């Protein structure tokens, strides 16, 4: 933040105004999503634009960071980590999703 002032790109007042605006917009967006869009989220998630932007609802996962760590990295025989698609059956048991082309599940050697 202070590098903007140090480099002469902004004044201190501009930096604080930008931080305040970012805070207001962030809190507003959080409120809109959690109070107005929550009922529409399944439809948004399954829409064409939702699929294009990879929008997923993770509000039901208590610890998203641990979930991602446990489900997206799989150790191989040579201690090389391969990124795998999420375990969709854990999130939505009624959906069956194939991994993207070029990605194989299981042990990679």
Protein backbone atom coordinates (compact mmCIF):
# COMPACT_ATOMS: atom_id res chain seq x y z
CA UNK A 1 0.00 0.00 0.00
CA UNK A 2 2.70 2.49 0.95
CA UNK A 3 4.67 1.67 -2.18
CA UNK A 4 2.02 3.59 -4.15
CA UNK A 5 2.84 6.71 -2.11
CA UNK A 6 6.59 6.06 -2.12
CA UNK A 7 6.65 5.75 -5.91
CA UNK A 8 4.58 8.91 -6.25
CA UNK A 9 1.62 7.22 -7.95
CA UNK A 10 -0.88 8.30 -5.26
CA UNK A 11 -1.18 10.54 -2.24
CA UNK A 12 -1.83 9.14 1.24
CA UNK A 13 -5.41 10.41 1.03
CA UNK A 14 -5.96 8.55 -2.25
CA UNK A 15 -4.61 5.31 -0.78
CA UNK A 16 -6.93 5.55 2.23
CA UNK A 17 -9.89 6.51 0.02
CA UNK A 18 -9.23 3.47 -2.17
CA UNK A 19 -8.96 1.20 0.87
CA UNK A 20 -12.21 2.57 2.28
CA UNK A 21 -14.00 2.16 -1.06
CA UNK A 22 -12.70 -1.41 -1.35
CA UNK A 23 -13.94 -2.19 2.15
CA UNK A 24 -17.41 -0.76 1.44
CA UNK A 25 -17.72 -2.59 -1.89
CA UNK A 26 -16.47 -5.86 -0.39
CA UNK A 27 -18.89 -5.76 2.53
CA UNK A 28 -21.73 -4.80 0.18
CA UNK A 29 -20.99 -7.67 -2.19
CA UNK A 30 -20.76 -10.12 0.73
CA UNK A 31 -24.17 -8.95 1.98
CA UNK A 32 -25.75 -9.15 -1.49
CA UNK A 33 -24.46 -12.70 -2.10
CA UNK A 34 -25.42 -13.99 1.36
CA UNK A 35 -28.82 -12.32 1.60
CA UNK A 36 -30.15 -11.83 -1.91
CA UNK A 37 -28.44 -14.35 -4.23
CA UNK A 38 -28.29 -17.33 -1.87
CA UNK A 39 -31.58 -18.80 -3.13
CA UNK A 40 -30.55 -18.40 -6.79
CA UNK A 41 -27.07 -19.84 -6.40
CA UNK A 42 -27.87 -23.40 -7.59
CA UNK A 43 -29.30 -21.95 -10.83
CA UNK A 44 -26.32 -19.59 -11.23
CA UNK A 45 -23.91 -22.47 -10.61
CA UNK A 46 -25.50 -24.66 -13.30
CA UNK A 47 -25.96 -21.89 -15.89
CA UNK A 48 -23.76 -21.59 -18.96
CA UNK A 49 -21.94 -18.57 -17.56
CA UNK A 50 -21.58 -20.27 -14.16
CA UNK A 51 -19.94 -23.29 -15.78
CA UNK A 52 -17.74 -21.05 -17.93
CA UNK A 53 -16.53 -19.15 -14.85
CA UNK A 54 -16.24 -22.36 -12.77
CA UNK A 55 -18.59 -21.00 -10.11
CA UNK A 56 -19.07 -23.49 -7.26
CA UNK A 57 -20.87 -23.26 -3.93
CA UNK A 58 -18.52 -24.15 -1.10
CA UNK A 59 -20.59 -22.67 1.73
CA UNK A 60 -21.42 -26.13 3.09
CA UNK A 61 -17.72 -27.03 3.59
CA UNK A 62 -16.61 -26.02 7.11
CA UNK A 63 -12.88 -25.73 6.28
CA UNK A 64 -12.40 -25.01 2.57
CA UNK A 65 -8.61 -24.81 2.79
CA UNK A 66 -8.34 -28.31 4.32
CA UNK A 67 -10.91 -29.68 1.86
CA UNK A 68 -8.91 -28.37 -1.10
CA UNK A 69 -5.66 -29.70 0.31
CA UNK A 70 -7.13 -33.15 0.94
CA UNK A 71 -8.97 -33.46 -2.38
CA UNK A 72 -6.88 -31.68 -5.01
CA UNK A 73 -3.37 -32.96 -4.38
CA UNK A 74 -2.52 -36.63 -4.50
CA UNK A 75 1.02 -37.85 -3.73
CA UNK A 76 2.58 -40.08 -6.38
CA UNK A 77 5.27 -42.73 -6.16
CA UNK A 78 8.00 -40.14 -6.71
CA UNK A 79 6.63 -37.49 -4.30
CA UNK A 80 5.43 -35.39 -7.21
CA UNK A 81 2.00 -33.88 -6.75
CA UNK A 82 -0.56 -34.12 -9.50
CA UNK A 83 -3.51 -31.76 -9.50
CA UNK A 84 -6.74 -33.72 -9.81
CA UNK A 85 -10.30 -32.55 -10.30
CA UNK A 86 -12.41 -32.32 -7.15
CA UNK A 87 -14.25 -35.32 -5.80
CA UNK A 88 -17.59 -34.16 -7.13
CA UNK A 89 -19.38 -37.17 -5.66
CA UNK A 90 -18.50 -35.82 -2.18
CA UNK A 91 -20.15 -32.50 -2.94
CA UNK A 92 -23.06 -33.64 -5.09
CA UNK A 93 -23.69 -37.43 -4.80
CA UNK A 94 -26.19 -37.32 -7.68
CA UNK A 95 -23.61 -35.98 -10.17
CA UNK A 96 -20.98 -38.04 -11.94
CA UNK A 97 -18.21 -35.98 -13.50
CA UNK A 98 -15.39 -37.23 -15.69
CA UNK A 99 -11.94 -35.68 -15.29
CA UNK A 100 -10.88 -33.24 -18.03
CA UNK A 101 -9.07 -34.65 -21.05
CA UNK A 102 -5.43 -35.41 -20.32
CA UNK A 103 -5.89 -35.92 -16.57
CA UNK A 104 -5.94 -39.44 -15.21
CA UNK A 105 -6.96 -40.48 -11.73
CA UNK A 106 -5.01 -42.88 -9.57
CA UNK A 107 -1.29 -43.55 -9.15
CA UNK A 108 0.85 -41.69 -11.66
CA UNK A 109 4.35 -42.99 -12.22
